[in-house]
Amino acid sequence: MTTEIRHARQSDRSAILEFIDTFWRKDHIFVREPSFFDYEMTTDGVPQFILAVNSNQIVGLVGYVKHAALVEESDLFLVLLRVLESHANEGLAIKLLKTCLDLTNKNVHTVGANPKALPLYSLMGFKTGYLDHYYWLNPQIGTYNLAHVPERLDWQTAKFSCNVTPVTSIEETEYNRLPHYRHAAKSLDFFRKRYFEHSTFSYSVYAVRDQATGGSLTGLGVTRLVEANQSRAMRIVDWIGHDDYFNAFAGAIQQHCLMEQCEFADFYCLGMSADILKQAGFCKILAETETIIPNYFSPFLQRNVSLTFCTTQNNNIKLFRGDGDQDRPV
């Protein structure tokens, strides 16, 4: 029987969860907490998935997260691309991806795809590679329980003159003035849902304002505090703003790390100026380094993790850990 590629329907919800539990990972967060699946992956109760269906059974799927209300006007982030081996010779992965590409007039991306899938994305016209991983170590920590630091360096905190304050809301006119053109564009509604109103995680959002320009909003940074082994670390999850103002945001976060006794702050990103990050006191994780800045905290694993990216946007896009599904419960 011919395999059909179609949009998921509301009635497919339980079958999608069963497929994820059986063929993706047992006890996945979407299966353990269906309410989080609804928060993350549905619109008005309809799962945001493209399905490959044969004999009324799902044999492949891919999910997508949209960054704006209208899918055709939204950047899309793909998650959970999976085709059963019994149907691997039907080209279903290509068909699923092509259907996603046809959904929108904007760009399509994914962060954290299996490295083995990168040739497939390249074949479909995506630019592929790995995010950069930067970190700053708290020099006041005597013993690192999370990071592995074979050699202590003279770590500095960034110097800044802008006003950096935590916020719990943002005005649309200010948000829209930020430089979104190189970012995977997020509507304000999506930003609110993703960070101010997250169903599980508690995020801190910081506004950077330049007093030299009358206190205008020049950047928004997002962080999340993580804990393991009776120690803390600060994850920089997202940044929307001019590169020149990241230094101010980073300096404020480093001061916060000193007060909260966080071992480190780290930042997965693509498209940020290496010089700006160096000036902000951050060091890049290199393949040959013995330093370990862990990414997995639930459960905690003390090892470095490389995060892939795939994108149809070729004009020096900026991507971060908070894009896609790389900062969610597991």
Protein backbone atom coordinates (compact mmCIF):
# COMPACT_ATOMS: atom_id res chain seq x y z
CA MET A 1 0.00 0.00 0.00
CA THR A 2 1.24 3.51 -0.84
CA THR A 3 2.53 5.59 2.06
CA GLU A 4 0.70 8.90 2.48
CA ILE A 5 2.44 12.11 3.60
CA ARG A 6 -0.02 14.35 5.41
CA HIS A 7 -0.47 16.91 8.16
CA ALA A 8 -1.29 15.56 11.60
CA ARG A 9 -4.87 15.85 12.83
CA GLN A 10 -6.16 16.30 16.35
CA SER A 11 -7.15 12.63 16.36
CA ASP A 12 -3.50 11.62 15.71
CA ARG A 13 -2.26 12.87 19.09
CA SER A 14 -2.23 9.52 20.93
CA ALA A 15 -0.75 7.67 17.94
CA ILE A 16 2.08 10.24 17.70
CA LEU A 17 2.86 9.85 21.41
CA GLU A 18 2.84 6.07 21.04
CA PHE A 19 5.20 6.30 18.05
CA ILE A 20 7.59 8.53 20.03
CA ASP A 21 7.50 6.16 23.01
CA THR A 22 8.09 3.06 20.86
CA PHE A 23 10.42 4.26 18.12
CA TRP A 24 12.15 7.42 19.42
CA ARG A 25 12.83 6.99 23.12
CA LYS A 26 11.06 5.14 25.86
CA ASP A 27 9.69 7.41 28.57
CA HIS A 28 10.19 10.58 26.52
CA ILE A 29 9.07 13.82 28.23
CA PHE A 30 6.20 14.14 25.73
CA VAL A 31 4.93 10.70 26.79
CA ARG A 32 5.54 11.17 30.51
CA GLU A 33 3.89 14.59 30.51
CA PRO A 34 1.36 14.89 27.68
CA SER A 35 0.48 18.39 28.90
CA PHE A 36 4.03 19.47 27.98
CA PHE A 37 3.56 17.92 24.53
CA ASP A 38 0.41 20.03 24.17
CA TYR A 39 2.28 23.17 25.30
CA GLU A 40 5.29 22.59 23.07
CA MET A 41 3.93 20.84 19.98
CA THR A 42 0.27 21.69 19.40
CA THR A 43 -1.78 24.63 18.17
CA ASP A 44 -5.44 24.63 19.18
CA GLY A 45 -5.09 20.95 20.01
CA VAL A 46 -3.65 19.97 16.61
CA PRO A 47 -0.15 18.43 16.73
CA GLN A 48 2.46 20.32 14.69
CA PHE A 49 3.68 17.23 12.85
CA ILE A 50 3.95 15.92 9.32
CA LEU A 51 3.21 12.20 9.18
CA ALA A 52 4.02 9.31 6.88
CA VAL A 53 1.08 6.90 7.17
CA ASN A 54 0.79 3.38 5.75
CA SER A 55 -2.18 1.09 6.41
CA ASN A 56 -3.44 3.57 9.02
CA GLN A 57 -0.14 3.29 10.93
CA ILE A 58 2.46 6.03 11.41
CA VAL A 59 5.71 4.87 9.80
CA GLY A 60 7.52 8.21 9.93
CA LEU A 61 7.12 11.72 11.26
CA VAL A 62 8.73 15.07 11.84
CA GLY A 63 7.56 17.79 14.22
CA TYR A 64 7.98 21.53 13.87
CA VAL A 65 7.88 24.51 16.21
CA LYS A 66 6.65 27.72 14.64
CA HIS A 67 7.87 31.12 15.78
CA ALA A 68 4.82 33.10 14.65
CA ALA A 69 1.05 32.60 14.60
CA LEU A 70 0.80 31.95 10.84
CA VAL A 71 2.89 28.97 9.78
CA GLU A 72 3.44 30.36 6.28
CA GLU A 73 4.98 33.52 7.79
CA SER A 74 7.01 31.75 10.45
CA ASP A 75 10.52 30.41 10.79
CA LEU A 76 10.18 26.71 11.62
CA PHE A 77 12.36 24.54 13.85
CA LEU A 78 12.20 20.82 13.14
CA VAL A 79 12.23 18.15 15.85
CA LEU A 80 11.97 14.36 16.03
CA LEU A 81 12.61 13.33 12.42
CA ARG A 82 12.15 9.55 12.38
CA VAL A 83 11.32 6.95 9.70
CA LEU A 84 10.94 3.25 10.42
CA GLU A 85 13.61 1.03 8.89
CA SER A 86 10.90 -1.09 7.27
CA HIS A 87 10.06 1.93 5.07
CA ALA A 88 13.56 3.39 4.72
CA ASN A 89 13.73 2.68 0.97
CA GLU A 90 10.73 4.89 0.19
CA GLY A 91 12.53 8.24 0.55
CA LEU A 92 10.14 9.25 3.32
CA ALA A 93 12.63 11.43 5.21
CA ILE A 94 13.11 13.56 2.09
CA LYS A 95 9.36 13.76 1.55
CA LEU A 96 8.75 14.76 5.17
CA LEU A 97 11.40 17.48 5.01
CA LYS A 98 10.14 18.76 1.66
CA THR A 99 6.63 19.06 3.07
CA CYS A 100 8.00 21.15 5.94
CA LEU A 101 9.92 23.37 3.53
CA ASP A 102 6.70 23.93 1.58
CA LEU A 103 4.83 25.01 4.72
CA THR A 104 6.46 28.42 5.02
CA ASN A 105 7.76 31.38 3.06
CA LYS A 106 10.41 31.86 5.74
CA ASN A 107 13.34 29.67 6.76
CA VAL A 108 13.50 26.19 8.27
CA HIS A 109 16.07 25.13 10.85
CA THR A 110 16.94 22.46 13.36
CA VAL A 111 19.37 22.38 16.29
CA GLY A 112 20.71 19.16 17.77
CA ALA A 113 19.99 16.75 14.91
CA ASN A 114 21.87 13.45 14.86
CA PRO A 115 25.19 14.08 13.06
CA LYS A 116 24.41 11.07 10.84
CA ALA A 117 21.45 13.02 9.44
CA LEU A 118 23.53 16.03 8.31
CA PRO A 119 24.17 14.62 4.78
CA LEU A 120 20.41 14.29 4.33
CA TYR A 121 19.85 17.91 5.31
CA SER A 122 22.70 19.01 3.04
CA LEU A 123 21.07 17.11 0.18
CA MET A 124 17.88 19.09 0.84
CA GLY A 125 19.76 22.40 0.54
CA PHE A 126 20.35 23.10 4.23
CA LYS A 127 23.56 24.67 5.49
CA THR A 128 24.86 22.33 8.22
CA GLY A 129 27.53 22.36 10.91
CA TYR A 130 28.03 22.71 14.65
CA LEU A 131 27.24 25.50 17.10
CA ASP A 132 30.14 27.12 18.91
CA HIS A 133 30.29 26.44 22.65
CA TYR A 134 31.66 29.24 24.86
CA TYR A 135 32.11 29.37 28.63
CA TRP A 136 33.21 31.65 31.46
CA LEU A 137 34.55 30.11 34.70
CA ASN A 138 33.88 31.67 38.07
CA PRO A 139 37.38 32.40 39.49
CA GLN A 140 36.01 32.42 43.05
CA ILE A 141 35.09 28.71 43.01
CA GLY A 142 37.62 26.58 44.87
CA THR A 143 36.56 23.15 43.63
CA TYR A 144 34.57 22.59 40.45
CA ASN A 145 32.01 19.80 40.85
CA LEU A 146 30.32 20.30 37.46
CA ALA A 147 33.08 21.45 35.13
CA HIS A 148 36.40 19.67 34.67
CA VAL A 149 39.17 22.27 34.64
CA PRO A 150 42.69 20.89 34.19
CA GLU A 151 44.29 24.33 34.23
CA ARG A 152 43.14 27.47 35.97
CA LEU A 153 43.35 30.66 33.93
CA ASP A 154 43.11 34.29 34.95
CA TRP A 155 39.40 34.76 34.29
CA GLN A 156 38.04 38.28 33.95
CA THR A 157 34.53 39.66 34.08
CA ALA A 158 33.25 41.86 31.29
CA LYS A 159 33.16 45.62 31.86
CA PHE A 160 29.97 47.39 30.91
CA SER A 161 28.30 50.77 31.22
CA CYS A 162 24.77 49.95 30.04
CA ASN A 163 21.82 49.37 32.33
CA VAL A 164 21.03 45.61 32.52
CA THR A 165 17.90 44.65 34.47
CA PRO A 166 15.66 41.59 34.78
CA VAL A 167 12.21 42.05 33.21
CA THR A 168 8.98 40.08 33.30
CA SER A 169 7.40 41.67 30.24
CA ILE A 170 8.36 43.68 27.18
CA GLU A 171 6.50 46.18 25.05
CA GLU A 172 5.87 45.20 21.44
CA THR A 173 7.17 48.48 20.01
CA GLU A 174 10.50 48.05 21.82
CA TYR A 175 10.75 44.38 20.92
CA ASN A 176 10.17 45.07 17.25
CA ARG A 177 12.98 47.67 17.18
CA LEU A 178 15.57 45.06 18.11
CA PRO A 179 17.74 43.75 15.23
CA HIS A 180 15.98 40.50 14.31
CA TYR A 181 17.22 40.34 10.71
CA ARG A 182 20.01 37.78 11.26
CA HIS A 183 18.14 35.80 13.89
CA ALA A 184 15.64 33.02 13.41
CA ALA A 185 12.86 35.54 13.90
CA LYS A 186 10.62 35.09 16.94
CA SER A 187 7.34 36.91 17.25
CA LEU A 188 6.77 38.62 20.59
CA ASP A 189 3.93 36.18 21.33
CA PHE A 190 6.32 33.28 20.80
CA PHE A 191 9.02 34.93 22.94
CA ARG A 192 6.50 35.43 25.76
CA LYS A 193 5.33 31.83 25.60
CA ARG A 194 8.87 30.46 25.31
CA TYR A 195 10.46 32.40 28.17
CA PHE A 196 7.98 34.37 30.28
CA GLU A 197 5.27 31.69 30.36
CA HIS A 198 7.16 28.39 30.04
CA SER A 199 5.16 25.51 31.47
CA THR A 200 8.10 23.86 33.25
CA PHE A 201 11.30 25.90 33.33
CA SER A 202 11.95 29.23 35.03
CA TYR A 203 13.85 31.61 32.78
CA SER A 204 15.35 35.00 33.58
CA VAL A 205 15.06 37.65 30.87
CA TYR A 206 17.35 40.69 30.98
CA ALA A 207 16.88 43.97 29.15
CA VAL A 208 19.99 45.89 28.07
CA ARG A 209 19.43 49.63 27.78
CA ASP A 210 21.94 52.19 26.55
CA GLN A 211 21.79 55.39 28.56
CA ALA A 212 23.70 57.19 25.79
CA THR A 213 20.68 56.68 23.52
CA GLY A 214 18.08 57.73 26.06
CA GLY A 215 17.67 54.32 27.65
CA SER A 216 16.50 52.60 24.49
CA LEU A 217 16.30 48.80 24.47
CA THR A 218 19.39 47.42 22.70
CA GLY A 219 19.26 43.75 23.66
CA LEU A 220 17.36 40.95 25.40
CA GLY A 221 19.24 38.08 27.00
CA VAL A 222 17.78 34.89 28.47
CA THR A 223 19.33 32.62 31.11
CA ARG A 224 18.41 29.56 33.13
CA LEU A 225 19.99 28.38 36.37
CA VAL A 226 20.82 24.64 36.52
CA GLU A 227 21.96 22.52 39.47
CA ALA A 228 23.70 19.18 40.04
CA ASN A 229 26.17 17.73 42.54
CA GLN A 230 25.19 20.47 45.00
CA SER A 231 26.57 23.05 42.57
CA ARG A 232 25.12 25.60 40.16
CA ALA A 233 25.77 26.81 36.64
CA MET A 234 24.22 29.50 34.46
CA ARG A 235 23.07 28.73 30.96
CA ILE A 236 22.79 31.59 28.50
CA VAL A 237 19.90 30.40 26.40
CA ASP A 238 19.14 33.22 23.97
CA TRP A 239 20.22 36.66 22.86
CA ILE A 240 18.43 39.18 20.65
CA GLY A 241 20.35 42.38 20.09
CA HIS A 242 23.41 44.07 18.65
CA ASP A 243 26.65 42.15 19.20
CA ASP A 244 28.19 45.29 20.66
CA TYR A 245 25.79 45.14 23.61
CA PHE A 246 26.34 41.47 24.43
CA ASN A 247 29.33 42.52 26.53
CA ALA A 248 27.01 44.39 28.89
CA PHE A 249 24.65 41.43 29.20
CA ALA A 250 27.57 39.05 29.77
CA GLY A 251 29.06 41.28 32.45
CA ALA A 252 25.78 41.39 34.35
CA ILE A 253 25.43 37.60 34.13
CA GLN A 254 28.99 37.09 35.37
CA GLN A 255 28.26 39.32 38.37
CA HIS A 256 25.14 37.27 39.02
CA CYS A 257 27.22 34.07 38.82
CA LEU A 258 29.62 35.48 41.42
CA MET A 259 26.74 36.27 43.78
CA GLU A 260 25.00 32.91 43.20
CA GLN A 261 28.31 30.98 43.34
CA CYS A 262 27.73 29.43 39.93
CA GLU A 263 30.68 27.44 38.65
CA PHE A 264 30.36 28.74 35.12
CA ALA A 265 28.18 30.43 32.54
CA ASP A 266 28.06 28.85 29.10
CA PHE A 267 26.61 29.73 25.72
CA TYR A 268 25.92 27.67 22.56
CA CYS A 269 25.71 29.99 19.57
CA LEU A 270 26.27 30.48 15.87
CA GLY A 271 27.04 33.76 14.11
CA MET A 272 28.30 35.73 17.12
CA SER A 273 31.54 37.69 16.82
CA ALA A 274 34.45 35.73 18.31
CA ASP A 275 36.12 39.03 19.21
CA ILE A 276 33.03 40.25 21.07
CA LEU A 277 32.81 37.00 23.05
CA LYS A 278 36.51 37.15 23.89
CA GLN A 279 36.10 40.73 25.11
CA ALA A 280 33.19 39.52 27.23
CA GLY A 281 35.50 37.05 28.98
CA PHE A 282 34.31 33.88 27.25
CA CYS A 283 36.52 31.06 26.00
CA LYS A 284 35.60 28.62 23.22
CA ILE A 285 35.50 24.88 23.76
CA LEU A 286 37.83 23.31 21.19
CA ALA A 287 37.87 19.70 20.02
CA GLU A 288 41.29 19.05 21.56
CA THR A 289 40.55 20.67 24.92
CA GLU A 290 40.60 18.72 28.19
CA THR A 291 38.22 21.20 29.79
CA ILE A 292 34.70 19.84 30.21
CA ILE A 293 31.66 22.13 30.35
CA PRO A 294 28.68 19.77 30.64
CA ASN A 295 25.44 20.23 28.73
CA TYR A 296 23.29 17.48 30.26
CA PHE A 297 21.97 18.06 33.78
CA SER A 298 18.97 15.70 34.06
CA PRO A 299 20.59 13.30 34.49
CA PHE A 300 23.92 15.02 34.94
CA LEU A 301 26.71 13.86 32.61
CA GLN A 302 30.17 15.40 32.90
CA ARG A 303 31.12 15.47 29.24
CA ASN A 304 31.25 17.96 26.42
CA VAL A 305 28.42 17.85 23.89
CA SER A 306 28.56 19.14 20.32
CA LEU A 307 25.26 20.48 19.01
CA THR A 308 24.60 20.37 15.27
CA PHE A 309 22.62 22.91 13.29
CA CYS A 310 20.87 22.85 9.92
CA THR A 311 19.35 25.94 8.32
CA THR A 312 18.03 27.14 4.99
CA GLN A 313 19.09 30.69 5.88
CA ASN A 314 22.49 31.43 4.38
CA ASN A 315 23.10 35.09 5.33
CA ASN A 316 25.15 34.61 8.51
CA ILE A 317 22.28 33.50 10.70
CA LYS A 318 22.46 33.61 14.47
CA LEU A 319 21.32 30.50 16.33
CA PHE A 320 21.33 29.72 20.05
CA ARG A 321 20.66 26.91 22.51
CA GLY A 322 17.13 28.24 23.05
CA ASP A 323 16.21 27.78 19.39
CA GLY A 324 14.38 24.57 18.60
CA ASP A 325 14.08 22.01 21.39
CA GLN A 326 17.58 21.96 22.93
CA ASP A 327 16.57 23.63 26.19
CA ARG A 328 13.58 21.65 27.36
CA PRO A 329 12.88 18.95 29.97
CA VAL A 330 14.11 15.49 28.98
